[in-house]
Protein backbone atom coordinates (compact mmCIF):
# COMPACT_ATOMS: atom_id res chain seq x y z
CA UNK A 1 -0.33 -0.13 0.20
CA UNK A 2 1.46 3.33 -0.74
CA UNK A 3 0.17 6.63 0.33
CA UNK A 4 1.84 9.31 -1.31
CA UNK A 5 2.32 12.91 -0.06
CA UNK A 6 2.05 12.31 3.99
CA UNK A 7 3.86 15.95 4.00
CA UNK A 8 4.84 18.30 1.40
CA UNK A 9 7.56 16.59 -1.30
CA UNK A 10 7.08 13.21 1.22
CA UNK A 11 6.19 10.19 0.19
CA UNK A 12 5.41 7.15 2.56
CA UNK A 13 6.03 3.17 1.75
CA UNK A 14 4.39 0.98 4.66
CA UNK A 15 4.03 -2.56 4.71
CA UNK A 16 3.57 -5.02 7.92
CA UNK A 17 3.47 -2.21 9.67
CA UNK A 18 6.85 -0.56 9.34
CA UNK A 19 7.34 2.69 7.48
CA UNK A 20 10.19 4.08 5.32
CA UNK A 21 9.95 7.57 3.59
CA UNK A 22 11.10 9.25 0.45
CA UNK A 23 11.82 13.13 0.09
CA UNK A 24 11.75 14.90 -3.14
CA UNK A 25 13.71 17.94 -3.42
CA UNK A 26 13.51 19.39 -6.88
CA UNK A 27 14.53 16.00 -9.18
CA UNK A 28 16.51 14.30 -6.44
CA UNK A 29 15.52 11.97 -3.69
CA UNK A 30 16.44 10.59 0.00
CA UNK A 31 15.38 7.64 1.13
CA UNK A 32 14.85 7.75 5.23
CA UNK A 33 15.51 4.01 6.56
CA UNK A 34 15.14 0.76 4.34
CA UNK A 35 11.95 -1.51 5.77
CA UNK A 36 12.14 -4.92 5.78
CA UNK A 37 13.10 -6.64 2.61
CA UNK A 38 9.87 -7.47 0.98
CA UNK A 39 9.46 -3.37 0.71
CA UNK A 40 12.05 -3.59 -1.64
CA UNK A 41 9.77 -4.00 -4.98
CA UNK A 42 7.08 -1.20 -3.02
CA UNK A 43 9.84 1.07 -3.24
CA UNK A 44 10.61 0.71 -7.24
CA UNK A 45 6.98 0.97 -7.63
CA UNK A 46 6.94 4.30 -5.81
CA UNK A 47 9.31 5.31 -8.07
CA UNK A 48 7.81 4.54 -11.18
CA UNK A 49 4.63 6.52 -9.83
CA UNK A 50 6.07 9.71 -9.21
CA UNK A 51 7.95 9.58 -12.52
CA UNK A 52 11.83 8.61 -11.11
CA UNK A 53 14.24 6.40 -11.11
CA UNK A 54 16.94 4.63 -9.30
CA UNK A 55 19.34 7.17 -9.98
CA UNK A 56 17.43 9.64 -8.39
CA UNK A 57 17.99 8.49 -5.03
CA UNK A 58 21.13 10.35 -3.97
CA UNK A 59 21.07 8.55 -0.24
CA UNK A 60 19.86 6.11 2.24
CA UNK A 61 19.83 8.03 5.67
CA UNK A 62 18.78 5.72 8.98
CA UNK A 63 17.50 6.39 11.74
CA UNK A 64 18.76 3.52 13.55
CA UNK A 65 20.20 0.78 12.34
CA UNK A 66 17.39 -2.08 13.35
CA UNK A 67 16.50 -5.04 11.46
CA UNK A 68 13.45 -3.48 10.33
CA UNK A 69 14.82 -0.22 9.19
CA UNK A 70 17.87 -1.97 7.72
CA UNK A 71 15.88 -4.09 5.47
CA UNK A 72 16.71 -3.65 1.86
CA UNK A 73 19.96 -1.28 2.63
CA UNK A 74 22.51 -3.52 1.60
CA UNK A 75 20.47 -4.28 -1.96
CA UNK A 76 19.86 -0.64 -2.44
CA UNK A 77 24.10 0.01 -2.00
CA UNK A 78 24.91 -2.89 -3.96
CA UNK A 79 22.69 -2.42 -6.78
CA UNK A 80 22.21 1.55 -7.10
CA UNK A 81 25.43 2.51 -5.79
CA UNK A 82 23.14 4.30 -2.85
CA UNK A 83 25.20 5.70 -0.06
CA UNK A 84 24.30 4.91 3.33
CA UNK A 85 24.08 7.05 6.21
CA UNK A 86 24.11 6.44 10.30
CA UNK A 87 25.11 7.83 13.25
CA UNK A 88 28.14 6.12 14.58
CA UNK A 89 26.43 5.04 17.71
CA UNK A 90 24.67 2.28 15.30
CA UNK A 91 27.32 1.74 12.64
CA UNK A 92 27.82 -1.54 14.14
CA UNK A 93 24.27 -2.39 14.75
CA UNK A 94 23.74 -1.46 11.06
CA UNK A 95 26.19 -4.03 9.91
CA UNK A 96 24.63 -6.54 12.18
CA UNK A 97 20.71 -5.92 13.05
CA UNK A 98 20.22 -8.52 15.49
CA UNK A 99 22.61 -8.37 17.80
CA UNK A 100 21.32 -5.88 20.37
CA UNK A 101 20.38 -6.29 23.85
CA UNK A 102 16.77 -4.45 24.98
CA UNK A 103 16.11 -3.66 28.80
CA UNK A 104 13.37 -7.05 28.15
CA UNK A 105 13.88 -10.33 26.54
CA UNK A 106 12.40 -9.59 23.04
CA UNK A 107 11.38 -12.96 21.84
CA UNK A 108 9.51 -13.73 25.41
CA UNK A 109 7.73 -10.29 25.49
CA UNK A 110 5.18 -10.78 23.40
CA UNK A 111 3.34 -13.55 24.90
CA UNK A 112 2.47 -11.21 27.71
CA UNK A 113 1.37 -8.77 24.89
CA UNK A 114 -0.48 -11.29 22.94
CA UNK A 115 -2.06 -8.09 20.55
CA UNK A 116 1.40 -7.93 19.17
CA UNK A 117 1.72 -11.48 17.70
CA UNK A 118 -0.08 -10.76 14.53
CA UNK A 119 1.82 -7.69 13.81
CA UNK A 120 5.43 -9.61 14.50
CA UNK A 121 3.64 -12.45 12.12
CA UNK A 122 3.42 -10.06 9.41
CA UNK A 123 6.78 -8.46 9.81
CA UNK A 124 8.39 -12.02 9.61
CA UNK A 125 6.52 -12.79 6.45
CA UNK A 126 7.77 -9.86 5.07
CA UNK A 127 11.32 -10.68 5.82
CA UNK A 128 11.79 -9.67 9.54
CA UNK A 129 14.06 -12.62 9.95
CA UNK A 130 16.45 -12.45 6.98
CA UNK A 131 17.65 -8.98 7.15
CA UNK A 132 21.31 -8.54 5.74
CA UNK A 133 23.03 -5.62 7.77
CA UNK A 134 24.83 -2.85 5.94
CA UNK A 135 28.47 -2.31 7.16
CA UNK A 136 29.97 0.36 4.18
CA UNK A 137 28.32 3.38 5.62
CA UNK A 138 28.95 7.11 5.95
CA UNK A 139 28.31 9.03 9.46
CA UNK A 140 25.55 10.62 9.85
CA UNK A 141 26.37 13.96 11.83
CA UNK A 142 24.15 15.35 14.80
CA UNK A 143 23.43 18.99 14.96
CA UNK A 144 23.39 20.52 11.30
CA UNK A 145 21.86 20.23 7.80
CA UNK A 146 22.60 16.87 6.24
CA UNK A 147 23.94 17.74 2.49
CA UNK A 148 21.33 15.44 0.87
CA UNK A 149 18.00 16.57 -0.95
CA UNK A 150 15.67 17.77 1.69
CA UNK A 151 18.20 18.97 3.52
CA UNK A 152 16.86 17.79 6.96
CA UNK A 153 18.43 18.58 10.38
CA UNK A 154 19.96 15.83 12.11
CA UNK A 155 19.15 15.72 16.00
CA UNK A 156 20.40 12.83 18.13
CA UNK A 157 17.72 10.81 19.86
CA UNK A 158 19.15 8.14 21.83
CA UNK A 159 17.06 5.71 23.70
CA UNK A 160 16.20 3.37 21.42
CA UNK A 161 19.13 2.94 20.43
CA UNK A 162 22.40 4.47 21.32
CA UNK A 163 22.46 6.13 17.43
CA UNK A 164 19.06 7.01 16.71
CA UNK A 165 18.66 10.24 15.26
CA UNK A 166 15.90 12.41 13.89
CA UNK A 167 15.47 14.30 10.57
CA UNK A 168 13.71 17.67 10.63
CA UNK A 169 12.28 19.37 7.92
CA UNK A 170 11.61 23.11 9.14
CA UNK A 171 10.71 24.63 5.98
CA UNK A 172 8.02 21.58 5.27
CA UNK A 173 7.06 21.80 8.76
CA UNK A 174 7.78 17.85 9.33
CA UNK A 175 9.66 15.68 11.95
CA UNK A 176 10.75 12.39 10.88
CA UNK A 177 10.72 10.56 14.16
CA UNK A 178 12.00 6.58 13.32
CA UNK A 179 11.24 4.66 16.44
CA UNK A 180 11.96 7.64 19.00
CA UNK A 181 8.32 8.34 18.71
CA UNK A 182 5.89 5.79 17.17
CA UNK A 183 1.97 5.58 16.83
CA UNK A 184 1.91 1.93 16.93
CA UNK A 185 4.25 -0.68 18.86
CA UNK A 186 4.01 -3.69 17.48
CA UNK A 187 5.67 -5.15 20.55
CA UNK A 188 2.00 -4.65 22.39
CA UNK A 189 -0.37 -3.71 19.51
CA UNK A 190 -0.83 0.06 21.30
CA UNK A 191 -1.81 2.75 18.81
CA UNK A 192 -1.09 6.15 19.70
CA UNK A 193 1.87 8.25 20.61
CA UNK A 194 4.49 6.22 22.56
CA UNK A 195 8.14 5.21 22.67
CA UNK A 196 9.11 1.57 21.86
CA UNK A 197 8.78 -1.18 24.16
CA UNK A 198 11.22 -2.35 26.44
CA UNK A 199 11.54 -5.54 24.07
CA UNK A 200 12.87 -3.32 21.37
CA UNK A 201 14.58 -0.28 23.27
CA UNK A 202 17.92 -0.07 24.80
CA UNK A 203 17.11 2.57 27.79
CA UNK A 204 13.70 3.46 28.24
CA UNK A 205 14.36 6.34 30.39
CA UNK A 206 16.84 7.89 28.19
CA UNK A 207 14.33 7.18 25.29
CA UNK A 208 11.55 9.07 27.34
CA UNK A 209 14.06 12.00 27.99
CA UNK A 210 14.81 12.22 23.79
CA UNK A 211 10.99 13.32 23.51
CA UNK A 212 12.17 16.44 24.41
CA UNK A 213 14.07 16.90 21.32
CA UNK A 214 11.13 15.75 19.00
CA UNK A 215 8.94 18.33 21.01
CA UNK A 216 11.50 21.16 20.58
CA UNK A 217 11.09 20.86 16.62
CA UNK A 218 7.70 22.47 17.13
CA UNK A 219 6.74 20.24 13.51
CA UNK A 220 2.90 20.51 13.06
CA UNK A 221 3.72 16.90 11.01
CA UNK A 222 5.55 13.67 12.60
CA UNK A 223 6.14 10.95 10.31
CA UNK A 224 6.76 7.85 12.68
CA UNK A 225 8.70 4.38 12.11
CA UNK A 226 5.79 2.50 12.91
CA UNK A 227 1.89 3.56 12.50
CA UNK A 228 0.02 6.52 10.85
CA UNK A 229 1.15 9.89 10.48
CA UNK A 230 0.62 12.31 13.26
CA UNK A 231 -0.71 16.06 12.35
CA UNK A 232 -1.67 17.62 15.77
CA UNK A 233 2.18 18.86 16.42
CA UNK A 234 5.24 17.19 18.04
CA UNK A 235 4.91 18.76 21.27
CA UNK A 236 1.50 17.22 21.91
CA UNK A 237 2.95 13.89 20.66
CA UNK A 238 5.32 13.68 22.80
CA UNK A 239 3.39 14.80 25.99
CA UNK A 240 0.94 11.87 25.01
CA UNK A 241 3.87 9.54 24.50
CA UNK A 242 5.56 10.90 28.01
CA UNK A 243 1.77 10.22 29.54
CA UNK A 244 1.86 6.89 28.05
CA UNK A 245 5.08 6.03 29.80
CA UNK A 246 7.44 2.80 29.40
CA UNK A 247 6.45 -0.70 28.92
């Protein structure tokens, strides 16, 4: 399912409860996150739909290195020669996207939250258990505009992972929040603004603290790594997520 224009010049690719985004800037494109392996043909379809070609994709920016955000990154790099950028804190994770230790056991957690099982099952069918990492990456530096199409400002938001970053596009009044703030948690099945459950988050206290950085963008539109776009403001979303707390 393709949902174009979720914000000015930004397209959403969503499948199996996982989101990634294409940012248009003139004739050039930036891809934010690489979803799951089965989303590769969906990306190709989207490019055709908007009249673009693979060579227009100038960069893949990873908000973090988890398997459901790195899904087709290596294929993109090998087949299209697209550079992949990730924060230094997640460089190793992007290369080895299953090698992380969350606060709680991610294999046992779903059995105490049965609403998550259909969602995690869909992700598995979409290739979540067979992701190849990407080792040849370029550094994603926080604190400045990134020299890629769309010129997003990179903000370090650790907690979900050490190197998690959000991308703020102030001229488009939009922030891409990755998994620092989601509107659907696949590990609990809950909807609404929240941080991801402790089964997939390294430090939930730090993740809650990083909500301040999302709120500080003041963006109207929040585009999360999981769940529907949020159009009621980053400050409101962050407040709801704080109130939801950690799970």
